[in-house]
Amino acid sequence: MEINLDYVAHTNRIADNDPYVKVGVSLFFMLSALILSNNYYSILVIFISSAIILGIAHVSLKEYCKFLVIPFSFTFLTCLFILFFFPQGEYIWDSGFWGIGITTYSYTTSVLTFFRVFACFSALGIQSLTTPISDVMHVLRSIKVPRVFCEIAVLMYNSIFIFLECVETMRNAQKTRLGYLTTSLTAFKSMGSMFSNLFLQSLKKSETMQVALDSRCYTGELPVYKPNRKLDSYPKLVS
């Protein structure tokens, strides 16, 4: 499932708004959800973040769900493990096998963890889905974040999309050859082949990116152009 994160960040309704406000609101909701540890507040953050992304920024529900589906899956599996394998407190349900069951502590912890993590990712969506990466880097540099962290973030951001593109291309190629439709054994073989080829392709892409950076005289700093949006939004008069 391809995520058009960069395209959405540049084409949403508030893409040209002040990035300091969007990054500040996102950080405020994330930090407050982590510090307060309250389920009701976490649910409130989820609703407010979703309202900003869907109602104000006009990001499509499909793209928003694509953004949340991967962290939601990992969060759900983690909370499921906490729910059944933390035998502390009074048992609500006991399976009778190796201490597997649901206790008051495991239930409270799993629910609290789920809503906290989901609230943080919803708040992160305010920044990721409405603010282009160049604006985010400009904000980080202006608040004196070390330059090396900004450069690593930009390179990782670019590498993630290259990685996802390789996965999508390989998976589509295997689907056209019925790599997942015959038997489960064939599907496992196709998946193993994809991961082994993906490792080689990742090395090849990283070398290509390094050559591209060297050919542009990369010395450890990626300059980011910050246009004056108010001036650029009007046509210039030439006498």
C-alpha atoms as a PDB file:
ATOM      1  CA  MET A   1       0.000   0.000   0.000  1.00  0.00           C
ATOM      2  CA  GLU A   2       1.726   3.139  -1.264  1.00  0.00           C
ATOM      3  CA  ILE A   3       1.609   6.242   0.912  1.00  0.00           C
ATOM      4  CA  ASN A   4       1.722   9.542  -0.992  1.00  0.00           C
ATOM      5  CA  LEU A   5       2.907  11.424   2.076  1.00  0.00           C
ATOM      6  CA  ASP A   6       5.040  14.004   0.296  1.00  0.00           C
ATOM      7  CA  TYR A   7       2.329  14.725  -2.280  1.00  0.00           C
ATOM      8  CA  VAL A   8      -0.324  15.169   0.422  1.00  0.00           C
ATOM      9  CA  ALA A   9       1.951  17.478   2.429  1.00  0.00           C
ATOM     10  CA  HIS A  10       2.375  19.777  -0.592  1.00  0.00           C
ATOM     11  CA  THR A  11      -1.216  19.775  -1.871  1.00  0.00           C
ATOM     12  CA  ASN A  12      -3.405  20.007   1.236  1.00  0.00           C
ATOM     13  CA  ARG A  13      -5.398  23.138   1.970  1.00  0.00           C
ATOM     14  CA  ILE A  14      -3.074  24.536   4.674  1.00  0.00           C
ATOM     15  CA  ALA A  15       0.259  23.534   3.094  1.00  0.00           C
ATOM     16  CA  ASP A  16       1.242  27.221   2.701  1.00  0.00           C
ATOM     17  CA  ASN A  17       0.244  28.245   6.221  1.00  0.00           C
ATOM     18  CA  ASP A  18       2.770  29.127   8.907  1.00  0.00           C
ATOM     19  CA  PRO A  19       4.835  25.961   9.555  1.00  0.00           C
ATOM     20  CA  TYR A  20       5.741  27.151  13.067  1.00  0.00           C
ATOM     21  CA  VAL A  21       2.090  26.960  14.091  1.00  0.00           C
ATOM     22  CA  LYS A  22       1.560  23.492  12.624  1.00  0.00           C
ATOM     23  CA  VAL A  23       4.753  22.040  14.089  1.00  0.00           C
ATOM     24  CA  GLY A  24       4.034  23.710  17.438  1.00  0.00           C
ATOM     25  CA  VAL A  25       0.476  22.350  17.622  1.00  0.00           C
ATOM     26  CA  SER A  26       1.686  18.874  16.692  1.00  0.00           C
ATOM     27  CA  LEU A  27       4.438  18.882  19.338  1.00  0.00           C
ATOM     28  CA  PHE A  28       2.086  20.273  21.984  1.00  0.00           C
ATOM     29  CA  PHE A  29      -0.483  17.515  21.469  1.00  0.00           C
ATOM     30  CA  MET A  30       2.184  14.777  21.375  1.00  0.00           C
ATOM     31  CA  LEU A  31       3.960  15.916  24.546  1.00  0.00           C
ATOM     32  CA  SER A  32       0.751  16.586  26.455  1.00  0.00           C
ATOM     33  CA  ALA A  33      -0.662  13.142  25.554  1.00  0.00           C
ATOM     34  CA  LEU A  34       2.555  11.515  26.799  1.00  0.00           C
ATOM     35  CA  ILE A  35       2.768  13.537  30.011  1.00  0.00           C
ATOM     36  CA  LEU A  36      -0.877  13.456  31.125  1.00  0.00           C
ATOM     37  CA  SER A  37      -1.434   9.687  30.570  1.00  0.00           C
ATOM     38  CA  ASN A  38      -5.197  10.097  30.545  1.00  0.00           C
ATOM     39  CA  ASN A  39      -7.430   8.063  28.243  1.00  0.00           C
ATOM     40  CA  TYR A  40     -10.047  10.780  27.918  1.00  0.00           C
ATOM     41  CA  TYR A  41      -7.447  13.378  26.960  1.00  0.00           C
ATOM     42  CA  SER A  42      -5.847  10.981  24.470  1.00  0.00           C
ATOM     43  CA  ILE A  43      -9.239  10.420  22.824  1.00  0.00           C
ATOM     44  CA  LEU A  44      -9.737  14.193  22.718  1.00  0.00           C
ATOM     45  CA  VAL A  45      -6.340  14.607  20.997  1.00  0.00           C
ATOM     46  CA  ILE A  46      -7.314  11.954  18.435  1.00  0.00           C
ATOM     47  CA  PHE A  47     -10.568  13.749  17.609  1.00  0.00           C
ATOM     48  CA  ILE A  48      -8.962  17.214  17.435  1.00  0.00           C
ATOM     49  CA  SER A  49      -6.073  15.981  15.274  1.00  0.00           C
ATOM     50  CA  SER A  50      -8.448  14.145  12.948  1.00  0.00           C
ATOM     51  CA  ALA A  51     -10.652  17.247  12.688  1.00  0.00           C
ATOM     52  CA  ILE A  52      -7.659  19.400  11.742  1.00  0.00           C
ATOM     53  CA  ILE A  53      -6.356  16.908   9.181  1.00  0.00           C
ATOM     54  CA  LEU A  54      -9.694  15.954   7.591  1.00  0.00           C
ATOM     55  CA  GLY A  55     -11.792  19.074   8.172  1.00  0.00           C
ATOM     56  CA  ILE A  56      -9.347  21.983   7.937  1.00  0.00           C
ATOM     57  CA  ALA A  57      -6.513  20.584   5.795  1.00  0.00           C
ATOM     58  CA  HIS A  58      -8.963  18.573   3.624  1.00  0.00           C
ATOM     59  CA  VAL A  59      -6.721  15.505   3.524  1.00  0.00           C
ATOM     60  CA  SER A  60      -8.664  12.565   2.138  1.00  0.00           C
ATOM     61  CA  LEU A  61      -9.795   9.888   4.577  1.00  0.00           C
ATOM     62  CA  LYS A  62      -8.045   7.240   2.461  1.00  0.00           C
ATOM     63  CA  GLU A  63      -4.638   8.921   2.780  1.00  0.00           C
ATOM     64  CA  TYR A  64      -5.173   9.510   6.498  1.00  0.00           C
ATOM     65  CA  CYS A  65      -5.983   5.836   7.038  1.00  0.00           C
ATOM     66  CA  LYS A  66      -2.889   4.825   5.039  1.00  0.00           C
ATOM     67  CA  PHE A  67      -0.806   7.007   7.346  1.00  0.00           C
ATOM     68  CA  LEU A  68      -2.256   5.368  10.472  1.00  0.00           C
ATOM     69  CA  VAL A  69      -2.588   1.729   9.412  1.00  0.00           C
ATOM     70  CA  ILE A  70       1.058   0.684  10.007  1.00  0.00           C
ATOM     71  CA  PRO A  71       1.483   2.294  13.469  1.00  0.00           C
ATOM     72  CA  PHE A  72      -2.012   1.089  14.387  1.00  0.00           C
ATOM     73  CA  SER A  73      -1.055  -2.507  13.524  1.00  0.00           C
ATOM     74  CA  PHE A  74       2.126  -2.434  15.614  1.00  0.00           C
ATOM     75  CA  THR A  75       0.348  -0.699  18.499  1.00  0.00           C
ATOM     76  CA  PHE A  76      -2.504  -3.218  18.451  1.00  0.00           C
ATOM     77  CA  LEU A  77      -0.138  -6.215  18.530  1.00  0.00           C
ATOM     78  CA  THR A  78       1.935  -4.669  21.333  1.00  0.00           C
ATOM     79  CA  CYS A  79      -1.135  -3.905  23.445  1.00  0.00           C
ATOM     80  CA  LEU A  80      -2.466  -7.405  22.789  1.00  0.00           C
ATOM     81  CA  PHE A  81       0.772  -8.842  24.172  1.00  0.00           C
ATOM     82  CA  ILE A  82       0.543  -6.557  27.234  1.00  0.00           C
ATOM     83  CA  LEU A  83      -3.075  -7.589  27.785  1.00  0.00           C
ATOM     84  CA  PHE A  84      -2.422 -11.347  27.992  1.00  0.00           C
ATOM     85  CA  PHE A  85       1.163 -11.660  29.229  1.00  0.00           C
ATOM     86  CA  PHE A  86       1.428  -9.227  32.168  1.00  0.00           C
ATOM     87  CA  PRO A  87       0.194 -11.373  35.101  1.00  0.00           C
ATOM     88  CA  GLN A  88       0.134  -8.644  37.740  1.00  0.00           C
ATOM     89  CA  GLY A  89      -2.845  -7.763  39.878  1.00  0.00           C
ATOM     90  CA  GLU A  90      -6.200  -9.491  40.214  1.00  0.00           C
ATOM     91  CA  TYR A  91      -7.250 -11.788  37.380  1.00  0.00           C
ATOM     92  CA  ILE A  92     -10.276 -10.810  35.315  1.00  0.00           C
ATOM     93  CA  TRP A  93      -9.923 -13.871  33.083  1.00  0.00           C
ATOM     94  CA  ASP A  94      -7.518 -16.788  33.530  1.00  0.00           C
ATOM     95  CA  SER A  95      -6.848 -19.265  30.727  1.00  0.00           C
ATOM     96  CA  GLY A  96      -5.214 -21.763  33.076  1.00  0.00           C
ATOM     97  CA  PHE A  97      -2.145 -22.184  30.838  1.00  0.00           C
ATOM     98  CA  TRP A  98       1.280 -20.780  31.820  1.00  0.00           C
ATOM     99  CA  GLY A  99      -0.216 -17.767  33.547  1.00  0.00           C
ATOM    100  CA  ILE A 100      -1.836 -16.432  30.380  1.00  0.00           C
ATOM    101  CA  GLY A 101      -4.800 -14.257  31.261  1.00  0.00           C
ATOM    102  CA  ILE A 102      -6.179 -10.761  31.691  1.00  0.00           C
ATOM    103  CA  THR A 103      -5.571  -8.910  34.939  1.00  0.00           C
ATOM    104  CA  THR A 104      -6.701  -5.502  36.110  1.00  0.00           C
ATOM    105  CA  TYR A 105      -3.161  -4.173  35.675  1.00  0.00           C
ATOM    106  CA  SER A 106      -2.672  -5.603  32.180  1.00  0.00           C
ATOM    107  CA  TYR A 107      -6.078  -4.348  31.033  1.00  0.00           C
ATOM    108  CA  THR A 108      -5.480  -0.817  32.332  1.00  0.00           C
ATOM    109  CA  THR A 109      -1.934  -0.673  30.951  1.00  0.00           C
ATOM    110  CA  SER A 110      -2.858  -1.990  27.503  1.00  0.00           C
ATOM    111  CA  VAL A 111      -5.767   0.428  27.077  1.00  0.00           C
ATOM    112  CA  LEU A 112      -3.691   3.373  28.328  1.00  0.00           C
ATOM    113  CA  THR A 113      -0.785   2.466  26.020  1.00  0.00           C
ATOM    114  CA  PHE A 114      -3.048   2.062  22.995  1.00  0.00           C
ATOM    115  CA  PHE A 115      -4.729   5.451  23.317  1.00  0.00           C
ATOM    116  CA  ARG A 116      -1.478   7.259  24.198  1.00  0.00           C
ATOM    117  CA  VAL A 117       0.377   5.888  21.168  1.00  0.00           C
ATOM    118  CA  PHE A 118      -2.582   6.398  18.838  1.00  0.00           C
ATOM    119  CA  ALA A 119      -3.001   9.984  20.085  1.00  0.00           C
ATOM    120  CA  CYS A 120       0.693  10.699  19.478  1.00  0.00           C
ATOM    121  CA  PHE A 121       0.552   9.354  15.925  1.00  0.00           C
ATOM    122  CA  SER A 122      -2.624  11.332  15.233  1.00  0.00           C
ATOM    123  CA  ALA A 123      -0.869  14.477  16.472  1.00  0.00           C
ATOM    124  CA  LEU A 124       2.167  13.623  14.348  1.00  0.00           C
ATOM    125  CA  GLY A 125      -0.152  13.537  11.347  1.00  0.00           C
ATOM    126  CA  ILE A 126      -0.799  17.271  11.785  1.00  0.00           C
ATOM    127  CA  GLN A 127       2.861  17.866  11.009  1.00  0.00           C
ATOM    128  CA  SER A 128       3.502  15.068   8.506  1.00  0.00           C
ATOM    129  CA  LEU A 129       0.360  15.405   6.373  1.00  0.00           C
ATOM    130  CA  THR A 130       0.091  19.200   6.277  1.00  0.00           C
ATOM    131  CA  THR A 131       3.694  20.468   6.282  1.00  0.00           C
ATOM    132  CA  PRO A 132       6.288  19.849   3.526  1.00  0.00           C
ATOM    133  CA  ILE A 133       9.603  18.448   4.716  1.00  0.00           C
ATOM    134  CA  SER A 134      11.449  21.606   3.611  1.00  0.00           C
ATOM    135  CA  ASP A 135       9.292  23.716   5.949  1.00  0.00           C
ATOM    136  CA  VAL A 136       9.816  21.262   8.817  1.00  0.00           C
ATOM    137  CA  MET A 137      13.598  21.432   8.334  1.00  0.00           C
ATOM    138  CA  HIS A 138      13.441  25.225   8.240  1.00  0.00           C
ATOM    139  CA  VAL A 139      11.604  25.232  11.577  1.00  0.00           C
ATOM    140  CA  LEU A 140      14.087  22.810  13.146  1.00  0.00           C
ATOM    141  CA  ARG A 141      17.064  24.837  11.985  1.00  0.00           C
ATOM    142  CA  SER A 142      15.539  28.094  13.198  1.00  0.00           C
ATOM    143  CA  ILE A 143      15.116  26.681  16.719  1.00  0.00           C
ATOM    144  CA  LYS A 144      18.797  25.638  16.724  1.00  0.00           C
ATOM    145  CA  VAL A 145      18.397  21.880  16.307  1.00  0.00           C
ATOM    146  CA  PRO A 146      21.889  20.502  15.478  1.00  0.00           C
ATOM    147  CA  ARG A 147      22.462  20.572  11.728  1.00  0.00           C
ATOM    148  CA  VAL A 148      23.628  16.951  11.620  1.00  0.00           C
ATOM    149  CA  PHE A 149      20.233  15.756  12.917  1.00  0.00           C
ATOM    150  CA  CYS A 150      18.447  17.761  10.226  1.00  0.00           C
ATOM    151  CA  GLU A 151      20.652  16.303   7.484  1.00  0.00           C
ATOM    152  CA  ILE A 152      20.160  12.740   8.736  1.00  0.00           C
ATOM    153  CA  ALA A 153      16.384  13.323   8.921  1.00  0.00           C
ATOM    154  CA  VAL A 154      16.243  14.531   5.297  1.00  0.00           C
ATOM    155  CA  LEU A 155      18.317  11.611   4.014  1.00  0.00           C
ATOM    156  CA  MET A 156      16.254   9.093   5.999  1.00  0.00           C
ATOM    157  CA  TYR A 157      13.028  10.693   4.739  1.00  0.00           C
ATOM    158  CA  ASN A 158      14.224  10.295   1.164  1.00  0.00           C
ATOM    159  CA  SER A 159      15.455   6.733   1.760  1.00  0.00           C
ATOM    160  CA  ILE A 160      12.113   5.633   3.222  1.00  0.00           C
ATOM    161  CA  PHE A 161      10.266   6.575   0.029  1.00  0.00           C
ATOM    162  CA  ILE A 162      12.896   4.839  -2.110  1.00  0.00           C
ATOM    163  CA  PHE A 163      12.517   1.730   0.052  1.00  0.00           C
ATOM    164  CA  LEU A 164       8.700   1.784  -0.227  1.00  0.00           C
ATOM    165  CA  GLU A 165       8.888   2.248  -3.984  1.00  0.00           C
ATOM    166  CA  CYS A 166      11.159  -0.794  -4.303  1.00  0.00           C
ATOM    167  CA  VAL A 167       8.774  -2.887  -2.182  1.00  0.00           C
ATOM    168  CA  GLU A 168       5.766  -1.826  -4.250  1.00  0.00           C
ATOM    169  CA  THR A 169       7.542  -2.536  -7.555  1.00  0.00           C
ATOM    170  CA  MET A 170       8.702  -6.009  -6.492  1.00  0.00           C
ATOM    171  CA  ARG A 171       5.345  -6.947  -5.040  1.00  0.00           C
ATOM    172  CA  ASN A 172       3.501  -5.883  -8.202  1.00  0.00           C
ATOM    173  CA  ALA A 173       5.967  -7.875 -10.317  1.00  0.00           C
ATOM    174  CA  GLN A 174       5.344 -10.978  -8.202  1.00  0.00           C
ATOM    175  CA  LYS A 175       1.582 -10.497  -8.342  1.00  0.00           C
ATOM    176  CA  THR A 176       1.644 -10.444 -12.152  1.00  0.00           C
ATOM    177  CA  ARG A 177       3.395 -13.831 -12.015  1.00  0.00           C
ATOM    178  CA  LEU A 178       0.816 -15.247  -9.580  1.00  0.00           C
ATOM    179  CA  GLY A 179       3.377 -15.349  -6.811  1.00  0.00           C
ATOM    180  CA  TYR A 180       0.743 -15.142  -4.067  1.00  0.00           C
ATOM    181  CA  LEU A 181      -2.291 -16.894  -5.578  1.00  0.00           C
ATOM    182  CA  THR A 182      -1.302 -20.568  -5.967  1.00  0.00           C
ATOM    183  CA  THR A 183      -0.347 -22.064  -2.581  1.00  0.00           C
ATOM    184  CA  SER A 184       0.792 -20.749   0.782  1.00  0.00           C
ATOM    185  CA  LEU A 185       4.241 -22.269   0.179  1.00  0.00           C
ATOM    186  CA  THR A 186       4.567 -20.268  -3.049  1.00  0.00           C
ATOM    187  CA  ALA A 187       3.538 -17.117  -1.215  1.00  0.00           C
ATOM    188  CA  PHE A 188       6.232 -17.679   1.433  1.00  0.00           C
ATOM    189  CA  LYS A 189       8.835 -18.298  -1.257  1.00  0.00           C
ATOM    190  CA  SER A 190       7.798 -15.125  -3.061  1.00  0.00           C
ATOM    191  CA  MET A 191       8.025 -13.128   0.147  1.00  0.00           C
ATOM    192  CA  GLY A 192      11.470 -14.536   0.957  1.00  0.00           C
ATOM    193  CA  SER A 193      12.675 -13.788  -2.540  1.00  0.00           C
ATOM    194  CA  MET A 194      11.338 -10.247  -2.278  1.00  0.00           C
ATOM    195  CA  PHE A 195      13.159  -9.569   1.003  1.00  0.00           C
ATOM    196  CA  SER A 196      16.462 -10.982  -0.283  1.00  0.00           C
ATOM    197  CA  ASN A 197      16.241  -8.899  -3.469  1.00  0.00           C
ATOM    198  CA  LEU A 198      15.152  -5.896  -1.439  1.00  0.00           C
ATOM    199  CA  PHE A 199      18.395  -6.011   0.560  1.00  0.00           C
ATOM    200  CA  LEU A 200      20.459  -5.973  -2.640  1.00  0.00           C
ATOM    201  CA  GLN A 201      18.336  -3.237  -4.171  1.00  0.00           C
ATOM    202  CA  SER A 202      18.670  -1.140  -1.009  1.00  0.00           C
ATOM    203  CA  LEU A 203      22.472  -1.343  -1.216  1.00  0.00           C
ATOM    204  CA  LYS A 204      22.366  -0.419  -4.886  1.00  0.00           C
ATOM    205  CA  LYS A 205      20.030   2.531  -4.271  1.00  0.00           C
ATOM    206  CA  SER A 206      22.173   3.800  -1.385  1.00  0.00           C
ATOM    207  CA  GLU A 207      25.281   3.752  -3.599  1.00  0.00           C
ATOM    208  CA  THR A 208      23.373   5.586  -6.332  1.00  0.00           C
ATOM    209  CA  MET A 209      22.196   8.228  -3.881  1.00  0.00           C
ATOM    210  CA  GLN A 210      25.724   8.709  -2.542  1.00  0.00           C
ATOM    211  CA  VAL A 211      27.063   9.152  -6.100  1.00  0.00           C
ATOM    212  CA  ALA A 212      24.296  11.683  -6.785  1.00  0.00           C
ATOM    213  CA  LEU A 213      25.204  13.631  -3.626  1.00  0.00           C
ATOM    214  CA  ASP A 214      28.920  13.571  -4.441  1.00  0.00           C
ATOM    215  CA  SER A 215      28.269  14.775  -7.991  1.00  0.00           C
ATOM    216  CA  ARG A 216      26.471  17.790  -6.505  1.00  0.00           C
ATOM    217  CA  CYS A 217      29.436  18.584  -4.215  1.00  0.00           C
ATOM    218  CA  TYR A 218      27.698  17.397  -1.049  1.00  0.00           C
ATOM    219  CA  THR A 219      29.794  18.342   1.990  1.00  0.00           C
ATOM    220  CA  GLY A 220      27.394  17.422   4.801  1.00  0.00           C
ATOM    221  CA  GLU A 221      24.869  20.227   4.326  1.00  0.00           C
ATOM    222  CA  LEU A 222      21.699  20.220   2.239  1.00  0.00           C
ATOM    223  CA  PRO A 223      20.599  23.810   1.567  1.00  0.00           C
ATOM    224  CA  VAL A 224      16.827  24.283   1.713  1.00  0.00           C
ATOM    225  CA  TYR A 225      15.175  27.054  -0.272  1.00  0.00           C
ATOM    226  CA  LYS A 226      12.666  28.982   1.810  1.00  0.00           C
ATOM    227  CA  PRO A 227      10.498  31.124  -0.474  1.00  0.00           C
ATOM    228  CA  ASN A 228       8.567  34.172   0.641  1.00  0.00           C
ATOM    229  CA  ARG A 229       5.107  32.737   0.059  1.00  0.00           C
ATOM    230  CA  LYS A 230       3.329  36.079   0.327  1.00  0.00           C
ATOM    231  CA  LEU A 231       5.459  37.599  -2.425  1.00  0.00           C
ATOM    232  CA  ASP A 232       5.510  34.484  -4.599  1.00  0.00           C
ATOM    233  CA  SER A 233       1.720  34.223  -4.556  1.00  0.00           C
ATOM    234  CA  TYR A 234       1.379  37.373  -6.663  1.00  0.00           C
ATOM    235  CA  PRO A 235       2.604  37.816 -10.229  1.00  0.00           C
ATOM    236  CA  LYS A 236       5.579  40.151 -10.607  1.00  0.00           C
ATOM    237  CA  LEU A 237       5.136  43.188 -12.792  1.00  0.00           C
ATOM    238  CA  VAL A 238       7.884  43.704 -15.333  1.00  0.00           C
ATOM    239  CA  SER A 239       8.198  47.230 -16.724  1.00  0.00           C
END
